[in-house]
Amino acid sequence: TYVALALAPTDGLMGTVQRIMYVHVPTAWVAFLAFFM
């Protein structure tokens, strides 16, 4: 979480809002995996 929100470089188009995808996308994948399991 620290690396994704603090150390990741800022995106040129979306700015700092894009950083939250580094946390949400893997969380969604893990949730889908848990539901499937």
PDB file of all heavy atoms in Angstrom:
ATOM      1  N   THR A   1       0.831  -1.201   0.000  1.00  0.00           N
ATOM      2  CA  THR A   1       0.000   0.000   0.000  1.00  0.00           C
ATOM      3  C   THR A   1       0.865   1.250   0.000  1.00  0.00           C
ATOM      4  O   THR A   1       0.590   2.210  -0.735  1.00  0.00           O
ATOM      5  CB  THR A   1      -0.946   0.004   1.212  1.00  0.00           C
ATOM      6  OG1 THR A   1      -1.755  -1.174   1.163  1.00  0.00           O
ATOM      7  CG2 THR A   1      -1.840   1.225   1.213  1.00  0.00           C
ATOM      8  N   TYR A   2       1.923   1.246   0.791  1.00  0.00           N
ATOM      9  CA  TYR A   2       2.835   2.394   0.819  1.00  0.00           C
ATOM     10  C   TYR A   2       3.497   2.613  -0.540  1.00  0.00           C
ATOM     11  O   TYR A   2       3.551   3.732  -1.038  1.00  0.00           O
ATOM     12  CB  TYR A   2       3.896   2.204   1.902  1.00  0.00           C
ATOM     13  CG  TYR A   2       4.959   3.274   1.872  1.00  0.00           C
ATOM     14  CD1 TYR A   2       4.676   4.560   2.317  1.00  0.00           C
ATOM     15  CD2 TYR A   2       6.229   3.007   1.392  1.00  0.00           C
ATOM     16  CE1 TYR A   2       5.630   5.553   2.272  1.00  0.00           C
ATOM     17  CE2 TYR A   2       7.196   3.991   1.347  1.00  0.00           C
ATOM     18  CZ  TYR A   2       6.895   5.257   1.800  1.00  0.00           C
ATOM     19  OH  TYR A   2       7.853   6.232   1.754  1.00  0.00           O
ATOM     20  N   VAL A   3       3.973   1.534  -1.137  1.00  0.00           N
ATOM     21  CA  VAL A   3       4.632   1.646  -2.440  1.00  0.00           C
ATOM     22  C   VAL A   3       3.645   2.135  -3.505  1.00  0.00           C
ATOM     23  O   VAL A   3       3.972   3.004  -4.316  1.00  0.00           O
ATOM     24  CB  VAL A   3       5.266   0.303  -2.853  1.00  0.00           C
ATOM     25  CG1 VAL A   3       5.709   0.320  -4.302  1.00  0.00           C
ATOM     26  CG2 VAL A   3       6.438  -0.026  -1.953  1.00  0.00           C
ATOM     27  N   ALA A   4       2.422   1.611  -3.484  1.00  0.00           N
ATOM     28  CA  ALA A   4       1.435   1.981  -4.503  1.00  0.00           C
ATOM     29  C   ALA A   4       0.966   3.419  -4.364  1.00  0.00           C
ATOM     30  O   ALA A   4       0.743   4.099  -5.365  1.00  0.00           O
ATOM     31  CB  ALA A   4       0.240   1.043  -4.430  1.00  0.00           C
ATOM     32  N   LEU A   5       0.818   3.898  -3.137  1.00  0.00           N
ATOM     33  CA  LEU A   5       0.254   5.231  -2.945  1.00  0.00           C
ATOM     34  C   LEU A   5       1.297   6.330  -2.776  1.00  0.00           C
ATOM     35  O   LEU A   5       1.014   7.495  -3.052  1.00  0.00           O
ATOM     36  CB  LEU A   5      -0.692   5.232  -1.742  1.00  0.00           C
ATOM     37  CG  LEU A   5      -1.928   4.348  -1.888  1.00  0.00           C
ATOM     38  CD1 LEU A   5      -2.757   4.394  -0.618  1.00  0.00           C
ATOM     39  CD2 LEU A   5      -2.758   4.759  -3.082  1.00  0.00           C
ATOM     40  N   ALA A   6       2.497   5.980  -2.326  1.00  0.00           N
ATOM     41  CA  ALA A   6       3.490   7.015  -2.049  1.00  0.00           C
ATOM     42  C   ALA A   6       4.654   7.020  -3.038  1.00  0.00           C
ATOM     43  O   ALA A   6       5.141   8.084  -3.408  1.00  0.00           O
ATOM     44  CB  ALA A   6       4.021   6.849  -0.627  1.00  0.00           C
ATOM     45  N   LEU A   7       5.123   5.855  -3.451  1.00  0.00           N
ATOM     46  CA  LEU A   7       6.322   5.797  -4.278  1.00  0.00           C
ATOM     47  C   LEU A   7       6.055   5.686  -5.776  1.00  0.00           C
ATOM     48  O   LEU A   7       6.944   5.951  -6.571  1.00  0.00           O
ATOM     49  CB  LEU A   7       7.198   4.614  -3.842  1.00  0.00           C
ATOM     50  CG  LEU A   7       7.753   4.690  -2.421  1.00  0.00           C
ATOM     51  CD1 LEU A   7       8.606   3.468  -2.130  1.00  0.00           C
ATOM     52  CD2 LEU A   7       8.541   5.957  -2.198  1.00  0.00           C
ATOM     53  N   ALA A   8       4.856   5.296  -6.150  1.00  0.00           N
ATOM     54  CA  ALA A   8       4.543   5.147  -7.573  1.00  0.00           C
ATOM     55  C   ALA A   8       4.547   6.513  -8.248  1.00  0.00           C
ATOM     56  O   ALA A   8       4.080   7.502  -7.679  1.00  0.00           O
ATOM     57  CB  ALA A   8       3.178   4.494  -7.747  1.00  0.00           C
ATOM     58  N   PRO A   9       5.085   6.577  -9.460  1.00  0.00           N
ATOM     59  CA  PRO A   9       5.117   7.875 -10.152  1.00  0.00           C
ATOM     60  C   PRO A   9       3.710   8.339 -10.547  1.00  0.00           C
ATOM     61  O   PRO A   9       2.803   7.539 -10.754  1.00  0.00           O
ATOM     62  CB  PRO A   9       5.962   7.595 -11.393  1.00  0.00           C
ATOM     63  CG  PRO A   9       5.876   6.130 -11.597  1.00  0.00           C
ATOM     64  CD  PRO A   9       5.701   5.522 -10.247  1.00  0.00           C
ATOM     65  N   THR A  10       3.543   9.637 -10.636  1.00  0.00           N
ATOM     66  CA  THR A  10       2.261  10.219 -11.011  1.00  0.00           C
ATOM     67  C   THR A  10       2.031  10.044 -12.509  1.00  0.00           C
ATOM     68  O   THR A  10       2.925  10.271 -13.316  1.00  0.00           O
ATOM     69  CB  THR A  10       2.247  11.717 -10.654  1.00  0.00           C
ATOM     70  OG1 THR A  10       2.553  11.859  -9.273  1.00  0.00           O
ATOM     71  CG2 THR A  10       0.892  12.335 -10.912  1.00  0.00           C
ATOM     72  N   ASP A  11       0.825   9.659 -12.880  1.00  0.00           N
ATOM     73  CA  ASP A  11       0.471   9.459 -14.286  1.00  0.00           C
ATOM     74  C   ASP A  11       0.337  10.812 -14.980  1.00  0.00           C
ATOM     75  O   ASP A  11      -0.081  11.801 -14.375  1.00  0.00           O
ATOM     76  CB  ASP A  11      -0.845   8.681 -14.361  1.00  0.00           C
ATOM     77  CG  ASP A  11      -1.200   8.292 -15.775  1.00  0.00           C
ATOM     78  OD1 ASP A  11      -0.364   7.650 -16.437  1.00  0.00           O
ATOM     79  OD2 ASP A  11      -2.313   8.622 -16.215  1.00  0.00           O
ATOM     80  N   GLY A  12       0.673  10.834 -16.248  1.00  0.00           N
ATOM     81  CA  GLY A  12       0.618  12.077 -16.999  1.00  0.00           C
ATOM     82  C   GLY A  12      -0.784  12.577 -17.292  1.00  0.00           C
ATOM     83  O   GLY A  12      -1.036  13.775 -17.324  1.00  0.00           O
ATOM     84  N   LEU A  13      -1.727  11.670 -17.499  1.00  0.00           N
ATOM     85  CA  LEU A  13      -3.092  12.073 -17.848  1.00  0.00           C
ATOM     86  C   LEU A  13      -4.011  12.196 -16.631  1.00  0.00           C
ATOM     87  O   LEU A  13      -4.742  13.169 -16.498  1.00  0.00           O
ATOM     88  CB  LEU A  13      -3.703  11.068 -18.828  1.00  0.00           C
ATOM     89  CG  LEU A  13      -3.058  10.997 -20.209  1.00  0.00           C
ATOM     90  CD1 LEU A  13      -3.668   9.869 -21.019  1.00  0.00           C
ATOM     91  CD2 LEU A  13      -3.222  12.322 -20.921  1.00  0.00           C
ATOM     92  N   MET A  14      -3.989  11.202 -15.769  1.00  0.00           N
ATOM     93  CA  MET A  14      -4.933  11.171 -14.656  1.00  0.00           C
ATOM     94  C   MET A  14      -4.385  11.780 -13.366  1.00  0.00           C
ATOM     95  O   MET A  14      -5.149  12.031 -12.437  1.00  0.00           O
ATOM     96  CB  MET A  14      -5.381   9.733 -14.393  1.00  0.00           C
ATOM     97  CG  MET A  14      -6.166   9.133 -15.526  1.00  0.00           C
ATOM     98  SD  MET A  14      -6.693   7.456 -15.209  1.00  0.00           S
ATOM     99  CE  MET A  14      -7.827   7.704 -13.881  1.00  0.00           C
ATOM    100  N   GLY A  15      -3.099  11.952 -13.276  1.00  0.00           N
ATOM    101  CA  GLY A  15      -2.523  12.536 -12.069  1.00  0.00           C
ATOM    102  C   GLY A  15      -2.465  11.533 -10.922  1.00  0.00           C
ATOM    103  O   GLY A  15      -2.267  10.338 -11.123  1.00  0.00           O
ATOM    104  N   THR A  16      -2.701  12.027  -9.735  1.00  0.00           N
ATOM    105  CA  THR A  16      -2.582  11.170  -8.546  1.00  0.00           C
ATOM    106  C   THR A  16      -3.767  10.221  -8.390  1.00  0.00           C
ATOM    107  O   THR A  16      -3.670   9.245  -7.646  1.00  0.00           O
ATOM    108  CB  THR A  16      -2.452  12.021  -7.276  1.00  0.00           C
ATOM    109  OG1 THR A  16      -3.578  12.879  -7.163  1.00  0.00           O
ATOM    110  CG2 THR A  16      -1.194  12.851  -7.310  1.00  0.00           C
ATOM    111  N   VAL A  17      -4.876  10.497  -9.058  1.00  0.00           N
ATOM    112  CA  VAL A  17      -6.056   9.631  -8.944  1.00  0.00           C
ATOM    113  C   VAL A  17      -5.755   8.235  -9.475  1.00  0.00           C
ATOM    114  O   VAL A  17      -6.300   7.240  -8.988  1.00  0.00           O
ATOM    115  CB  VAL A  17      -7.248  10.261  -9.703  1.00  0.00           C
ATOM    116  CG1 VAL A  17      -8.455   9.365  -9.669  1.00  0.00           C
ATOM    117  CG2 VAL A  17      -7.582  11.612  -9.114  1.00  0.00           C
ATOM    118  N   GLN A  18      -4.856   8.127 -10.425  1.00  0.00           N
ATOM    119  CA  GLN A  18      -4.546   6.846 -11.048  1.00  0.00           C
ATOM    120  C   GLN A  18      -3.867   5.895 -10.077  1.00  0.00           C
ATOM    121  O   GLN A  18      -3.956   4.685 -10.219  1.00  0.00           O
ATOM    122  CB  GLN A  18      -3.669   7.082 -12.278  1.00  0.00           C
ATOM    123  CG  GLN A  18      -3.528   5.910 -13.198  1.00  0.00           C
ATOM    124  CD  GLN A  18      -2.263   5.128 -12.921  1.00  0.00           C
ATOM    125  OE1 GLN A  18      -1.354   5.599 -12.270  1.00  0.00           O
ATOM    126  NE2 GLN A  18      -2.220   3.916 -13.409  1.00  0.00           N
ATOM    127  N   ARG A  19      -3.207   6.408  -9.054  1.00  0.00           N
ATOM    128  CA  ARG A  19      -2.496   5.557  -8.093  1.00  0.00           C
ATOM    129  C   ARG A  19      -3.423   4.602  -7.351  1.00  0.00           C
ATOM    130  O   ARG A  19      -3.011   3.530  -6.952  1.00  0.00           O
ATOM    131  CB  ARG A  19      -1.758   6.412  -7.075  1.00  0.00           C
ATOM    132  CG  ARG A  19      -0.591   7.132  -7.647  1.00  0.00           C
ATOM    133  CD  ARG A  19       0.109   7.872  -6.557  1.00  0.00           C
ATOM    134  NE  ARG A  19       1.136   8.729  -7.133  1.00  0.00           N
ATOM    135  CZ  ARG A  19       1.842   9.569  -6.447  1.00  0.00           C
ATOM    136  NH1 ARG A  19       1.636   9.691  -5.156  1.00  0.00           N
ATOM    137  NH2 ARG A  19       2.752  10.309  -7.035  1.00  0.00           N
ATOM    138  N   ILE A  20      -4.664   5.004  -7.144  1.00  0.00           N
ATOM    139  CA  ILE A  20      -5.583   4.161  -6.385  1.00  0.00           C
ATOM    140  C   ILE A  20      -5.869   2.858  -7.125  1.00  0.00           C
ATOM    141  O   ILE A  20      -6.220   1.848  -6.515  1.00  0.00           O
ATOM    142  CB  ILE A  20      -6.882   4.928  -6.053  1.00  0.00           C
ATOM    143  CG1 ILE A  20      -7.615   4.286  -4.878  1.00  0.00           C
ATOM    144  CG2 ILE A  20      -7.796   5.010  -7.243  1.00  0.00           C
ATOM    145  CD1 ILE A  20      -6.924   4.438  -3.581  1.00  0.00           C
ATOM    146  N   MET A  21      -5.669   2.841  -8.463  1.00  0.00           N
ATOM    147  CA  MET A  21      -5.881   1.602  -9.221  1.00  0.00           C
ATOM    148  C   MET A  21      -4.845   0.547  -8.861  1.00  0.00           C
ATOM    149  O   MET A  21      -5.099  -0.636  -9.006  1.00  0.00           O
ATOM    150  CB  MET A  21      -5.873   1.889 -10.721  1.00  0.00           C
ATOM    151  CG  MET A  21      -7.079   2.691 -11.149  1.00  0.00           C
ATOM    152  SD  MET A  21      -7.370   2.821 -12.916  1.00  0.00           S
ATOM    153  CE  MET A  21      -5.808   2.945 -13.651  1.00  0.00           C
ATOM    154  N   TYR A  22      -3.673   0.976  -8.378  1.00  0.00           N
ATOM    155  CA  TYR A  22      -2.652   0.015  -7.957  1.00  0.00           C
ATOM    156  C   TYR A  22      -3.108  -0.779  -6.737  1.00  0.00           C
ATOM    157  O   TYR A  22      -2.590  -1.850  -6.467  1.00  0.00           O
ATOM    158  CB  TYR A  22      -1.343   0.728  -7.632  1.00  0.00           C
ATOM    159  CG  TYR A  22      -0.682   1.379  -8.815  1.00  0.00           C
ATOM    160  CD1 TYR A  22      -0.144   2.651  -8.716  1.00  0.00           C
ATOM    161  CD2 TYR A  22      -0.601   0.729 -10.038  1.00  0.00           C
ATOM    162  CE1 TYR A  22       0.467   3.252  -9.795  1.00  0.00           C
ATOM    163  CE2 TYR A  22      -0.003   1.322 -11.129  1.00  0.00           C
ATOM    164  CZ  TYR A  22       0.535   2.582 -10.997  1.00  0.00           C
ATOM    165  OH  TYR A  22       1.130   3.173 -12.066  1.00  0.00           O
ATOM    166  N   VAL A  23      -4.055  -0.249  -5.991  1.00  0.00           N
ATOM    167  CA  VAL A  23      -4.591  -0.944  -4.815  1.00  0.00           C
ATOM    168  C   VAL A  23      -5.891  -1.662  -5.160  1.00  0.00           C
ATOM    169  O   VAL A  23      -6.097  -2.816  -4.790  1.00  0.00           O
ATOM    170  CB  VAL A  23      -4.814   0.044  -3.648  1.00  0.00           C
ATOM    171  CG1 VAL A  23      -5.444  -0.650  -2.456  1.00  0.00           C
ATOM    172  CG2 VAL A  23      -3.510   0.703  -3.259  1.00  0.00           C
ATOM    173  N   HIS A  24      -6.791  -1.000  -5.895  1.00  0.00           N
ATOM    174  CA  HIS A  24      -8.124  -1.553  -6.132  1.00  0.00           C
ATOM    175  C   HIS A  24      -8.143  -2.742  -7.089  1.00  0.00           C
ATOM    176  O   HIS A  24      -8.902  -3.690  -6.870  1.00  0.00           O
ATOM    177  CB  HIS A  24      -9.065  -0.466  -6.646  1.00  0.00           C
ATOM    178  CG  HIS A  24      -9.598   0.397  -5.560  1.00  0.00           C
ATOM    179  ND1 HIS A  24      -9.273   1.716  -5.469  1.00  0.00           N
ATOM    180  CD2 HIS A  24     -10.405   0.131  -4.522  1.00  0.00           C
ATOM    181  CE1 HIS A  24      -9.869   2.223  -4.410  1.00  0.00           C
ATOM    182  NE2 HIS A  24     -10.550   1.289  -3.809  1.00  0.00           N
ATOM    183  N   VAL A  25      -7.370  -2.710  -8.133  1.00  0.00           N
ATOM    184  CA  VAL A  25      -7.410  -3.801  -9.116  1.00  0.00           C
ATOM    185  C   VAL A  25      -6.937  -5.127  -8.514  1.00  0.00           C
ATOM    186  O   VAL A  25      -7.625  -6.143  -8.639  1.00  0.00           O
ATOM    187  CB  VAL A  25      -6.620  -3.422 -10.392  1.00  0.00           C
ATOM    188  CG1 VAL A  25      -6.516  -4.595 -11.337  1.00  0.00           C
ATOM    189  CG2 VAL A  25      -7.282  -2.237 -11.077  1.00  0.00           C
ATOM    190  N   PRO A  26      -5.787  -5.186  -7.817  1.00  0.00           N
ATOM    191  CA  PRO A  26      -5.406  -6.458  -7.190  1.00  0.00           C
ATOM    192  C   PRO A  26      -6.399  -6.918  -6.124  1.00  0.00           C
ATOM    193  O   PRO A  26      -6.645  -8.117  -5.976  1.00  0.00           O
ATOM    194  CB  PRO A  26      -4.039  -6.165  -6.563  1.00  0.00           C
ATOM    195  CG  PRO A  26      -3.505  -5.008  -7.310  1.00  0.00           C
ATOM    196  CD  PRO A  26      -4.695  -4.200  -7.700  1.00  0.00           C
ATOM    197  N   THR A  27      -6.993  -5.959  -5.406  1.00  0.00           N
ATOM    198  CA  THR A  27      -7.994  -6.320  -4.403  1.00  0.00           C
ATOM    199  C   THR A  27      -9.212  -6.955  -5.053  1.00  0.00           C
ATOM    200  O   THR A  27      -9.768  -7.933  -4.543  1.00  0.00           O
ATOM    201  CB  THR A  27      -8.409  -5.077  -3.602  1.00  0.00           C
ATOM    202  OG1 THR A  27      -7.250  -4.495  -3.013  1.00  0.00           O
ATOM    203  CG2 THR A  27      -9.396  -5.424  -2.515  1.00  0.00           C
ATOM    204  N   ALA A  28      -9.633  -6.429  -6.189  1.00  0.00           N
ATOM    205  CA  ALA A  28     -10.765  -7.010  -6.910  1.00  0.00           C
ATOM    206  C   ALA A  28     -10.443  -8.418  -7.397  1.00  0.00           C
ATOM    207  O   ALA A  28     -11.281  -9.323  -7.295  1.00  0.00           O
ATOM    208  CB  ALA A  28     -11.149  -6.116  -8.084  1.00  0.00           C
ATOM    209  N   TRP A  29      -9.230  -8.633  -7.910  1.00  0.00           N
ATOM    210  CA  TRP A  29      -8.843  -9.962  -8.361  1.00  0.00           C
ATOM    211  C   TRP A  29      -8.847 -10.962  -7.209  1.00  0.00           C
ATOM    212  O   TRP A  29      -9.310 -12.100  -7.354  1.00  0.00           O
ATOM    213  CB  TRP A  29      -7.467  -9.924  -9.019  1.00  0.00           C
ATOM    214  CG  TRP A  29      -7.532  -9.515 -10.452  1.00  0.00           C
ATOM    215  CD1 TRP A  29      -7.243  -8.296 -10.963  1.00  0.00           C
ATOM    216  CD2 TRP A  29      -7.943 -10.324 -11.551  1.00  0.00           C
ATOM    217  NE1 TRP A  29      -7.438  -8.293 -12.313  1.00  0.00           N
ATOM    218  CE2 TRP A  29      -7.868  -9.535 -12.713  1.00  0.00           C
ATOM    219  CE3 TRP A  29      -8.365 -11.641 -11.677  1.00  0.00           C
ATOM    220  CZ2 TRP A  29      -8.199 -10.007 -13.959  1.00  0.00           C
ATOM    221  CZ3 TRP A  29      -8.694 -12.113 -12.933  1.00  0.00           C
ATOM    222  CH2 TRP A  29      -8.612 -11.305 -14.052  1.00  0.00           C
ATOM    223  N   VAL A  30      -8.342 -10.565  -6.067  1.00  0.00           N
ATOM    224  CA  VAL A  30      -8.321 -11.460  -4.907  1.00  0.00           C
ATOM    225  C   VAL A  30      -9.741 -11.755  -4.438  1.00  0.00           C
ATOM    226  O   VAL A  30     -10.057 -12.887  -4.061  1.00  0.00           O
ATOM    227  CB  VAL A  30      -7.465 -10.859  -3.772  1.00  0.00           C
ATOM    228  CG1 VAL A  30      -7.630 -11.622  -2.477  1.00  0.00           C
ATOM    229  CG2 VAL A  30      -6.003 -10.826  -4.182  1.00  0.00           C
ATOM    230  N   ALA A  31     -10.630 -10.758  -4.483  1.00  0.00           N
ATOM    231  CA  ALA A  31     -12.017 -10.976  -4.090  1.00  0.00           C
ATOM    232  C   ALA A  31     -12.701 -11.968  -5.032  1.00  0.00           C
ATOM    233  O   ALA A  31     -13.411 -12.875  -4.582  1.00  0.00           O
ATOM    234  CB  ALA A  31     -12.778  -9.654  -4.071  1.00  0.00           C
ATOM    235  N   PHE A  32     -12.494 -11.814  -6.346  1.00  0.00           N
ATOM    236  CA  PHE A  32     -13.075 -12.759  -7.296  1.00  0.00           C
ATOM    237  C   PHE A  32     -12.519 -14.165  -7.077  1.00  0.00           C
ATOM    238  O   PHE A  32     -13.255 -15.158  -7.157  1.00  0.00           O
ATOM    239  CB  PHE A  32     -12.817 -12.317  -8.738  1.00  0.00           C
ATOM    240  CG  PHE A  32     -13.676 -11.172  -9.173  1.00  0.00           C
ATOM    241  CD1 PHE A  32     -13.119 -10.083  -9.817  1.00  0.00           C
ATOM    242  CD2 PHE A  32     -15.050 -11.176  -8.964  1.00  0.00           C
ATOM    243  CE1 PHE A  32     -13.897  -9.026 -10.227  1.00  0.00           C
ATOM    244  CE2 PHE A  32     -15.839 -10.134  -9.365  1.00  0.00           C
ATOM    245  CZ  PHE A  32     -15.264  -9.053  -9.997  1.00  0.00           C
ATOM    246  N   LEU A  33     -11.229 -14.266  -6.804  1.00  0.00           N
ATOM    247  CA  LEU A  33     -10.628 -15.565  -6.525  1.00  0.00           C
ATOM    248  C   LEU A  33     -11.232 -16.194  -5.270  1.00  0.00           C
ATOM    249  O   LEU A  33     -11.524 -17.393  -5.247  1.00  0.00           O
ATOM    250  CB  LEU A  33      -9.115 -15.429  -6.365  1.00  0.00           C
ATOM    251  CG  LEU A  33      -8.356 -16.699  -6.037  1.00  0.00           C
ATOM    252  CD1 LEU A  33      -8.471 -17.716  -7.167  1.00  0.00           C
ATOM    253  CD2 LEU A  33      -6.894 -16.385  -5.746  1.00  0.00           C
ATOM    254  N   ALA A  34     -11.448 -15.382  -4.243  1.00  0.00           N
ATOM    255  CA  ALA A  34     -12.044 -15.896  -3.007  1.00  0.00           C
ATOM    256  C   ALA A  34     -13.475 -16.384  -3.245  1.00  0.00           C
ATOM    257  O   ALA A  34     -13.874 -17.438  -2.729  1.00  0.00           O
ATOM    258  CB  ALA A  34     -12.026 -14.824  -1.933  1.00  0.00           C
ATOM    259  N   PHE A  35     -14.250 -15.627  -4.029  1.00  0.00           N
ATOM    260  CA  PHE A  35     -15.620 -16.065  -4.336  1.00  0.00           C
ATOM    261  C   PHE A  35     -15.610 -17.366  -5.131  1.00  0.00           C
ATOM    262  O   PHE A  35     -16.409 -18.276  -4.883  1.00  0.00           O
ATOM    263  CB  PHE A  35     -16.378 -14.989  -5.125  1.00  0.00           C
ATOM    264  CG  PHE A  35     -16.789 -13.820  -4.299  1.00  0.00           C
ATOM    265  CD1 PHE A  35     -16.544 -12.535  -4.745  1.00  0.00           C
ATOM    266  CD2 PHE A  35     -17.426 -13.985  -3.080  1.00  0.00           C
ATOM    267  CE1 PHE A  35     -16.922 -11.439  -3.993  1.00  0.00           C
ATOM    268  CE2 PHE A  35     -17.810 -12.903  -2.315  1.00  0.00           C
ATOM    269  CZ  PHE A  35     -17.552 -11.626  -2.776  1.00  0.00           C
ATOM    270  N   PHE A  36     -14.700 -17.491  -6.096  1.00  0.00           N
ATOM    271  CA  PHE A  36     -14.608 -18.704  -6.891  1.00  0.00           C
ATOM    272  C   PHE A  36     -14.178 -19.895  -6.031  1.00  0.00           C
ATOM    273  O   PHE A  36     -14.721 -20.993  -6.171  1.00  0.00           O
ATOM    274  CB  PHE A  36     -13.634 -18.518  -8.054  1.00  0.00           C
ATOM    275  CG  PHE A  36     -13.439 -19.778  -8.855  1.00  0.00           C
ATOM    276  CD1 PHE A  36     -14.436 -20.196  -9.722  1.00  0.00           C
ATOM    277  CD2 PHE A  36     -12.288 -20.534  -8.722  1.00  0.00           C
ATOM    278  CE1 PHE A  36     -14.279 -21.363 -10.469  1.00  0.00           C
ATOM    279  CE2 PHE A  36     -12.122 -21.691  -9.457  1.00  0.00           C
ATOM    280  CZ  PHE A  36     -13.108 -22.120 -10.324  1.00  0.00           C
ATOM    281  N   MET A  37     -13.222 -19.692  -5.162  1.00  0.00           N
ATOM    282  CA  MET A  37     -12.759 -20.778  -4.285  1.00  0.00           C
ATOM    283  C   MET A  37     -13.875 -21.220  -3.341  1.00  0.00           C
ATOM    284  O   MET A  37     -14.038 -22.415  -3.078  1.00  0.00           O
ATOM    285  CB  MET A  37     -11.534 -20.349  -3.495  1.00  0.00           C
ATOM    286  CG  MET A  37     -10.281 -20.241  -4.359  1.00  0.00           C
ATOM    287  SD  MET A  37      -8.844 -19.631  -3.483  1.00  0.00           S
ATOM    288  CE  MET A  37      -8.601 -20.936  -2.298  1.00  0.00           C
TER     289      MET A  37
END
